């Protein structure tokens, strides 16, 4: 009669996977998509520039006050005391007048998207 011998062997496997993938925050930073990154800065600059023809103009102070905005913050601020009133209640004169950002956005959204996409190495595609 043959005896069956059962032998147990303990072993461990060490799997080292260096896939080369970066974590999400590193990928976003590389593409300029982190907070205040290249994409946000490009969008902020374009928004300020594209709004210029839409901003009411009497002395130019309102339009020039956008220069006080922190580029990359995601907010364009017009730093004169009457900016809010002009934005919501101002009189329209040709292309210049109230709600200038909304009207600029309606006219130039494609340009804003293209500039932002280019800043992060992408492109705009239609779906």
N, C-alpha and C. Protein backbone atom coordinates (compact mmCIF):
# COMPACT_ATOMS: atom_id res chain seq x y z
N UNK A 1 0.83 -1.15 0.00
CA UNK A 1 0.00 0.00 0.00
C UNK A 1 0.89 1.24 0.00
N UNK A 2 0.58 2.09 -0.87
CA UNK A 2 1.36 3.32 -0.99
C UNK A 2 0.75 4.41 -0.12
N UNK A 3 1.60 5.01 0.55
CA UNK A 3 1.13 6.11 1.37
C UNK A 3 1.21 7.40 0.59
N UNK A 4 0.17 8.09 0.67
CA UNK A 4 0.15 9.37 -0.01
C UNK A 4 0.73 10.40 0.95
N UNK A 5 1.70 11.03 0.52
CA UNK A 5 2.30 12.07 1.35
C UNK A 5 1.90 13.43 0.81
N UNK A 6 1.37 14.12 1.65
CA UNK A 6 0.94 15.45 1.27
C UNK A 6 1.94 16.44 1.83
N UNK A 7 2.50 17.19 0.97
CA UNK A 7 3.45 18.18 1.46
C UNK A 7 2.87 19.57 1.23
N UNK A 8 3.06 20.38 2.16
CA UNK A 8 2.59 21.75 2.04
C UNK A 8 3.79 22.65 1.83
N UNK A 9 3.60 23.53 0.89
CA UNK A 9 4.68 24.45 0.61
C UNK A 9 4.11 25.86 0.71
N UNK A 10 4.69 26.65 1.53
CA UNK A 10 4.25 28.04 1.66
C UNK A 10 5.07 28.88 0.69
N UNK A 11 4.40 29.80 0.09
CA UNK A 11 5.11 30.70 -0.80
C UNK A 11 4.40 32.04 -0.82
N UNK A 12 5.12 33.02 -1.24
CA UNK A 12 4.52 34.34 -1.40
C UNK A 12 4.94 34.90 -2.75
N UNK A 13 4.08 35.71 -3.27
CA UNK A 13 4.36 36.34 -4.56
C UNK A 13 4.42 37.84 -4.34
N UNK A 14 5.46 38.41 -4.81
CA UNK A 14 5.58 39.87 -4.77
C UNK A 14 5.42 40.36 -6.19
N UNK A 15 4.41 41.15 -6.37
CA UNK A 15 4.12 41.67 -7.70
C UNK A 15 4.40 43.16 -7.68
N UNK A 16 5.37 43.56 -8.43
CA UNK A 16 5.73 44.97 -8.50
C UNK A 16 5.24 45.51 -9.83
N UNK A 17 4.19 46.29 -9.76
CA UNK A 17 3.62 46.84 -10.99
C UNK A 17 3.95 48.32 -11.06
N UNK A 18 4.85 48.65 -11.88
CA UNK A 18 5.15 50.04 -12.16
C UNK A 18 4.61 50.33 -13.54
N UNK A 19 3.37 50.69 -13.58
CA UNK A 19 2.69 50.85 -14.87
C UNK A 19 3.02 52.16 -15.55
N UNK A 20 3.65 53.07 -14.84
CA UNK A 20 3.95 54.35 -15.44
C UNK A 20 2.80 55.33 -15.38
N UNK A 21 1.68 54.90 -14.81
CA UNK A 21 0.54 55.80 -14.70
C UNK A 21 0.78 56.79 -13.57
N UNK A 22 0.35 58.00 -13.79
CA UNK A 22 0.46 59.03 -12.77
C UNK A 22 -0.86 59.14 -12.04
N UNK A 23 -0.81 59.70 -10.86
CA UNK A 23 -2.07 59.91 -10.15
C UNK A 23 -2.84 61.04 -10.82
N UNK A 24 -4.10 61.15 -10.49
CA UNK A 24 -4.99 62.10 -11.17
C UNK A 24 -4.51 63.54 -11.03
N UNK A 25 -4.06 63.93 -9.85
CA UNK A 25 -3.64 65.32 -9.67
C UNK A 25 -2.40 65.64 -10.51
N UNK A 26 -1.51 64.67 -10.67
CA UNK A 26 -0.33 64.90 -11.51
C UNK A 26 -0.72 65.04 -12.98
N UNK A 27 -1.67 64.22 -13.41
CA UNK A 27 -2.15 64.33 -14.79
C UNK A 27 -2.82 65.67 -15.04
N UNK A 28 -3.66 66.10 -14.11
CA UNK A 28 -4.33 67.39 -14.25
C UNK A 28 -3.31 68.53 -14.30
N UNK A 29 -2.33 68.48 -13.42
CA UNK A 29 -1.31 69.53 -13.39
C UNK A 29 -0.50 69.55 -14.68
N UNK A 30 -0.17 68.37 -15.18
CA UNK A 30 0.60 68.27 -16.43
C UNK A 30 -0.14 68.90 -17.60
N UNK A 31 -1.44 68.77 -17.60
CA UNK A 31 -2.27 69.33 -18.68
C UNK A 31 -2.69 70.77 -18.41
N UNK A 32 -2.30 71.30 -17.27
CA UNK A 32 -2.66 72.68 -16.95
C UNK A 32 -4.08 72.81 -16.43
N UNK A 33 -4.64 71.71 -15.93
CA UNK A 33 -6.03 71.71 -15.48
C UNK A 33 -6.18 71.79 -13.96
N UNK A 34 -5.09 71.99 -13.25
CA UNK A 34 -5.21 72.13 -11.80
C UNK A 34 -5.76 73.53 -11.49
N UNK A 35 -6.14 73.74 -10.25
CA UNK A 35 -6.67 75.05 -9.86
C UNK A 35 -5.66 76.14 -10.21
N UNK A 36 -6.11 77.13 -10.95
CA UNK A 36 -5.24 78.23 -11.34
C UNK A 36 -4.23 77.87 -12.41
N UNK A 37 -4.40 76.72 -13.05
CA UNK A 37 -3.45 76.24 -14.06
C UNK A 37 -3.56 76.98 -15.39
N UNK A 38 -2.80 76.49 -16.36
CA UNK A 38 -2.75 77.14 -17.68
C UNK A 38 -4.12 77.30 -18.32
N UNK A 39 -4.95 76.28 -18.20
CA UNK A 39 -6.27 76.34 -18.83
C UNK A 39 -7.12 77.45 -18.22
N UNK A 40 -7.14 77.53 -16.89
CA UNK A 40 -7.93 78.57 -16.22
C UNK A 40 -7.37 79.96 -16.53
N UNK A 41 -6.06 80.08 -16.56
CA UNK A 41 -5.45 81.36 -16.88
C UNK A 41 -5.79 81.80 -18.30
N UNK A 42 -5.73 80.88 -19.24
CA UNK A 42 -6.06 81.20 -20.63
C UNK A 42 -7.52 81.61 -20.75
N UNK A 43 -8.40 80.89 -20.06
CA UNK A 43 -9.83 81.22 -20.10
C UNK A 43 -10.08 82.59 -19.48
N UNK A 44 -9.47 82.88 -18.35
CA UNK A 44 -9.65 84.18 -17.71
C UNK A 44 -9.17 85.32 -18.60
N UNK A 45 -7.98 85.15 -19.19
CA UNK A 45 -7.45 86.20 -20.08
C UNK A 45 -8.37 86.42 -21.28
N UNK A 46 -8.82 85.33 -21.87
CA UNK A 46 -9.70 85.44 -23.03
C UNK A 46 -11.02 86.10 -22.65
N UNK A 47 -11.55 85.77 -21.49
CA UNK A 47 -12.81 86.38 -21.05
C UNK A 47 -12.65 87.88 -20.89
N UNK A 48 -11.57 88.31 -20.28
CA UNK A 48 -11.32 89.75 -20.11
C UNK A 48 -11.19 90.41 -21.48
N UNK A 49 -10.38 89.84 -22.35
CA UNK A 49 -10.15 90.43 -23.68
C UNK A 49 -11.43 90.46 -24.51
N UNK A 50 -12.16 89.36 -24.53
CA UNK A 50 -13.36 89.28 -25.36
C UNK A 50 -14.49 90.17 -24.83
N UNK A 51 -14.49 90.45 -23.52
CA UNK A 51 -15.53 91.32 -22.96
C UNK A 51 -15.32 92.80 -23.28
N UNK A 52 -14.09 93.18 -23.59
CA UNK A 52 -13.78 94.60 -23.80
C UNK A 52 -14.78 95.32 -24.71
N UNK A 53 -15.13 94.79 -25.86
CA UNK A 53 -16.06 95.53 -26.73
C UNK A 53 -17.49 95.60 -26.18
N UNK A 54 -17.81 94.79 -25.18
CA UNK A 54 -19.17 94.72 -24.64
C UNK A 54 -19.36 95.58 -23.39
N UNK A 55 -18.27 95.94 -22.74
CA UNK A 55 -18.33 96.69 -21.48
C UNK A 55 -18.71 98.14 -21.78
N UNK A 56 -19.68 98.69 -21.01
CA UNK A 56 -20.03 100.10 -21.21
C UNK A 56 -18.79 100.99 -21.09
N UNK A 57 -18.76 102.02 -21.90
CA UNK A 57 -17.57 102.87 -21.96
C UNK A 57 -17.99 104.33 -21.92
N UNK A 58 -17.57 104.99 -20.86
CA UNK A 58 -17.74 106.44 -20.79
C UNK A 58 -16.37 107.07 -20.63
N UNK A 59 -15.69 106.68 -19.55
CA UNK A 59 -14.33 107.17 -19.33
C UNK A 59 -13.31 106.06 -19.53
N UNK A 60 -13.77 104.82 -19.58
CA UNK A 60 -12.88 103.67 -19.72
C UNK A 60 -12.49 103.05 -18.40
N UNK A 61 -12.89 103.68 -17.28
CA UNK A 61 -12.50 103.17 -15.96
C UNK A 61 -13.09 101.79 -15.69
N UNK A 62 -14.34 101.59 -16.07
CA UNK A 62 -14.98 100.28 -15.84
C UNK A 62 -14.25 99.19 -16.61
N UNK A 63 -13.99 99.44 -17.86
CA UNK A 63 -13.32 98.45 -18.71
C UNK A 63 -11.91 98.16 -18.18
N UNK A 64 -11.18 99.19 -17.82
CA UNK A 64 -9.81 99.01 -17.34
C UNK A 64 -9.75 98.35 -15.96
N UNK A 65 -10.84 98.43 -15.20
CA UNK A 65 -10.82 97.86 -13.85
C UNK A 65 -10.76 96.33 -13.87
N UNK A 66 -11.06 95.71 -15.00
CA UNK A 66 -10.94 94.25 -15.11
C UNK A 66 -9.50 93.80 -14.96
N UNK A 67 -8.57 94.71 -15.19
CA UNK A 67 -7.15 94.38 -15.05
C UNK A 67 -6.78 94.02 -13.62
N UNK A 68 -7.64 94.39 -12.66
CA UNK A 68 -7.36 94.05 -11.26
C UNK A 68 -7.76 92.62 -10.92
N UNK A 69 -8.36 91.91 -11.88
CA UNK A 69 -8.74 90.51 -11.66
C UNK A 69 -7.51 89.65 -11.48
N UNK A 70 -7.62 88.64 -10.66
CA UNK A 70 -6.53 87.68 -10.48
C UNK A 70 -6.68 86.61 -11.56
N UNK A 71 -5.82 86.66 -12.56
CA UNK A 71 -5.88 85.72 -13.66
C UNK A 71 -5.56 84.32 -13.14
N UNK A 72 -6.45 83.39 -13.42
CA UNK A 72 -6.29 82.02 -12.93
C UNK A 72 -7.22 81.70 -11.78
N UNK A 73 -7.90 82.71 -11.26
CA UNK A 73 -8.80 82.49 -10.12
C UNK A 73 -10.16 81.96 -10.56
N UNK A 74 -10.49 82.13 -11.84
CA UNK A 74 -11.79 81.71 -12.32
C UNK A 74 -12.85 82.78 -12.17
N UNK A 75 -12.44 83.95 -11.70
CA UNK A 75 -13.36 85.07 -11.55
C UNK A 75 -12.77 86.30 -12.21
N UNK A 76 -13.59 86.96 -12.99
CA UNK A 76 -13.19 88.24 -13.56
C UNK A 76 -13.97 89.30 -12.79
N UNK A 77 -13.25 90.18 -12.14
CA UNK A 77 -13.88 91.20 -11.30
C UNK A 77 -13.61 92.58 -11.89
N UNK A 78 -14.64 93.36 -11.92
CA UNK A 78 -14.51 94.75 -12.35
C UNK A 78 -14.51 95.58 -11.08
N UNK A 79 -13.38 96.21 -10.79
CA UNK A 79 -13.14 96.80 -9.48
C UNK A 79 -13.52 98.25 -9.31
N UNK A 80 -14.63 98.67 -9.84
CA UNK A 80 -15.12 100.02 -9.58
C UNK A 80 -16.45 99.90 -8.85
N UNK A 81 -16.78 100.88 -8.01
CA UNK A 81 -17.99 100.76 -7.18
C UNK A 81 -19.29 100.61 -7.97
N UNK A 82 -19.34 101.12 -9.17
CA UNK A 82 -20.58 101.09 -9.94
C UNK A 82 -20.66 99.92 -10.91
N UNK A 83 -19.72 99.01 -10.87
CA UNK A 83 -19.68 97.90 -11.83
C UNK A 83 -20.94 97.03 -11.76
N UNK A 84 -21.37 96.70 -10.56
CA UNK A 84 -22.56 95.84 -10.42
C UNK A 84 -23.80 96.49 -11.01
N UNK A 85 -24.00 97.76 -10.70
CA UNK A 85 -25.17 98.46 -11.23
C UNK A 85 -25.11 98.52 -12.75
N UNK A 86 -23.94 98.79 -13.30
CA UNK A 86 -23.80 98.83 -14.75
C UNK A 86 -24.07 97.46 -15.37
N UNK A 87 -23.61 96.40 -14.69
CA UNK A 87 -23.78 95.06 -15.24
C UNK A 87 -25.25 94.67 -15.33
N UNK A 88 -26.02 94.99 -14.29
CA UNK A 88 -27.42 94.55 -14.25
C UNK A 88 -28.42 95.60 -14.73
N UNK A 89 -28.08 96.88 -14.62
CA UNK A 89 -29.06 97.91 -14.93
C UNK A 89 -28.59 98.92 -15.98
N UNK A 90 -27.37 98.82 -16.41
CA UNK A 90 -26.82 99.83 -17.32
C UNK A 90 -27.60 99.93 -18.63
N UNK A 91 -27.39 101.05 -19.30
CA UNK A 91 -28.05 101.26 -20.58
C UNK A 91 -27.20 100.65 -21.68
N UNK A 92 -27.88 100.12 -22.66
CA UNK A 92 -27.18 99.54 -23.80
C UNK A 92 -26.91 100.63 -24.84
N UNK A 93 -25.76 100.53 -25.44
CA UNK A 93 -25.38 101.45 -26.51
C UNK A 93 -24.63 100.64 -27.55
N UNK A 94 -25.34 100.18 -28.56
CA UNK A 94 -24.73 99.30 -29.55
C UNK A 94 -24.40 97.97 -28.90
N UNK A 95 -23.20 97.50 -29.11
CA UNK A 95 -22.78 96.22 -28.52
C UNK A 95 -22.46 96.37 -27.03
N UNK A 96 -22.15 97.58 -26.60
CA UNK A 96 -21.80 97.84 -25.20
C UNK A 96 -23.06 97.94 -24.36
N UNK A 97 -22.99 97.41 -23.14
CA UNK A 97 -24.13 97.53 -22.26
C UNK A 97 -24.15 96.46 -21.19
N UNK A 98 -25.29 96.36 -20.53
CA UNK A 98 -25.43 95.46 -19.39
C UNK A 98 -25.24 93.99 -19.80
N UNK A 99 -25.00 93.17 -18.79
CA UNK A 99 -24.83 91.72 -18.96
C UNK A 99 -23.76 91.40 -20.02
N UNK A 100 -22.68 92.17 -20.01
CA UNK A 100 -21.68 92.04 -21.07
C UNK A 100 -21.04 90.67 -21.12
N UNK A 101 -20.83 90.03 -19.98
CA UNK A 101 -20.22 88.70 -20.02
C UNK A 101 -21.15 87.69 -20.68
N UNK A 102 -22.41 87.70 -20.32
CA UNK A 102 -23.36 86.75 -20.90
C UNK A 102 -23.49 86.95 -22.41
N UNK A 103 -23.52 88.20 -22.84
CA UNK A 103 -23.63 88.46 -24.28
C UNK A 103 -22.36 88.06 -25.02
N UNK A 104 -21.20 88.35 -24.40
CA UNK A 104 -19.93 87.92 -25.01
C UNK A 104 -19.89 86.41 -25.11
N UNK A 105 -20.30 85.74 -24.05
CA UNK A 105 -20.28 84.27 -24.02
C UNK A 105 -21.17 83.70 -25.12
N UNK A 106 -22.32 84.30 -25.32
CA UNK A 106 -23.22 83.83 -26.38
C UNK A 106 -22.59 83.98 -27.76
N UNK A 107 -21.81 85.04 -27.93
CA UNK A 107 -21.17 85.30 -29.23
C UNK A 107 -19.86 84.53 -29.42
N UNK A 108 -19.11 84.30 -28.34
CA UNK A 108 -17.74 83.80 -28.48
C UNK A 108 -17.46 82.50 -27.73
N UNK A 109 -18.49 81.74 -27.40
CA UNK A 109 -18.29 80.51 -26.64
C UNK A 109 -17.32 79.56 -27.34
N UNK A 110 -17.47 79.39 -28.63
CA UNK A 110 -16.57 78.51 -29.38
C UNK A 110 -15.11 78.93 -29.26
N UNK A 111 -14.86 80.25 -29.31
CA UNK A 111 -13.50 80.76 -29.16
C UNK A 111 -12.97 80.50 -27.75
N UNK A 112 -13.82 80.70 -26.75
CA UNK A 112 -13.40 80.43 -25.37
C UNK A 112 -13.03 78.97 -25.19
N UNK A 113 -13.84 78.08 -25.75
CA UNK A 113 -13.56 76.65 -25.64
C UNK A 113 -12.26 76.29 -26.36
N UNK A 114 -12.06 76.83 -27.55
CA UNK A 114 -10.86 76.52 -28.33
C UNK A 114 -9.59 76.99 -27.62
N UNK A 115 -9.63 78.19 -27.07
CA UNK A 115 -8.47 78.73 -26.36
C UNK A 115 -8.16 77.89 -25.12
N UNK A 116 -9.18 77.53 -24.39
CA UNK A 116 -8.98 76.72 -23.18
C UNK A 116 -8.46 75.33 -23.54
N UNK A 117 -9.02 74.73 -24.56
CA UNK A 117 -8.57 73.40 -24.99
C UNK A 117 -7.12 73.45 -25.45
N UNK A 118 -6.76 74.46 -26.22
CA UNK A 118 -5.39 74.58 -26.71
C UNK A 118 -4.40 74.76 -25.55
N UNK A 119 -4.81 75.47 -24.52
CA UNK A 119 -3.93 75.71 -23.37
C UNK A 119 -3.59 74.42 -22.63
N UNK A 120 -4.46 73.43 -22.73
CA UNK A 120 -4.18 72.17 -22.02
C UNK A 120 -3.86 71.03 -22.98
N UNK A 121 -3.57 71.37 -24.22
CA UNK A 121 -3.15 70.36 -25.18
C UNK A 121 -4.28 69.53 -25.75
N UNK A 122 -5.47 70.06 -25.71
CA UNK A 122 -6.62 69.32 -26.23
C UNK A 122 -7.22 70.01 -27.43
N UNK A 123 -8.39 69.56 -27.79
CA UNK A 123 -9.11 70.18 -28.90
C UNK A 123 -10.60 70.07 -28.62
N UNK A 124 -11.35 70.93 -29.25
CA UNK A 124 -12.79 70.93 -29.09
C UNK A 124 -13.39 70.03 -30.16
N UNK A 125 -14.24 69.12 -29.74
CA UNK A 125 -14.92 68.25 -30.70
C UNK A 125 -16.42 68.39 -30.50
N UNK A 126 -17.14 68.26 -31.57
CA UNK A 126 -18.60 68.31 -31.49
C UNK A 126 -19.12 66.91 -31.22
N UNK A 127 -20.11 66.83 -30.36
CA UNK A 127 -20.71 65.52 -30.07
C UNK A 127 -22.12 65.48 -30.58
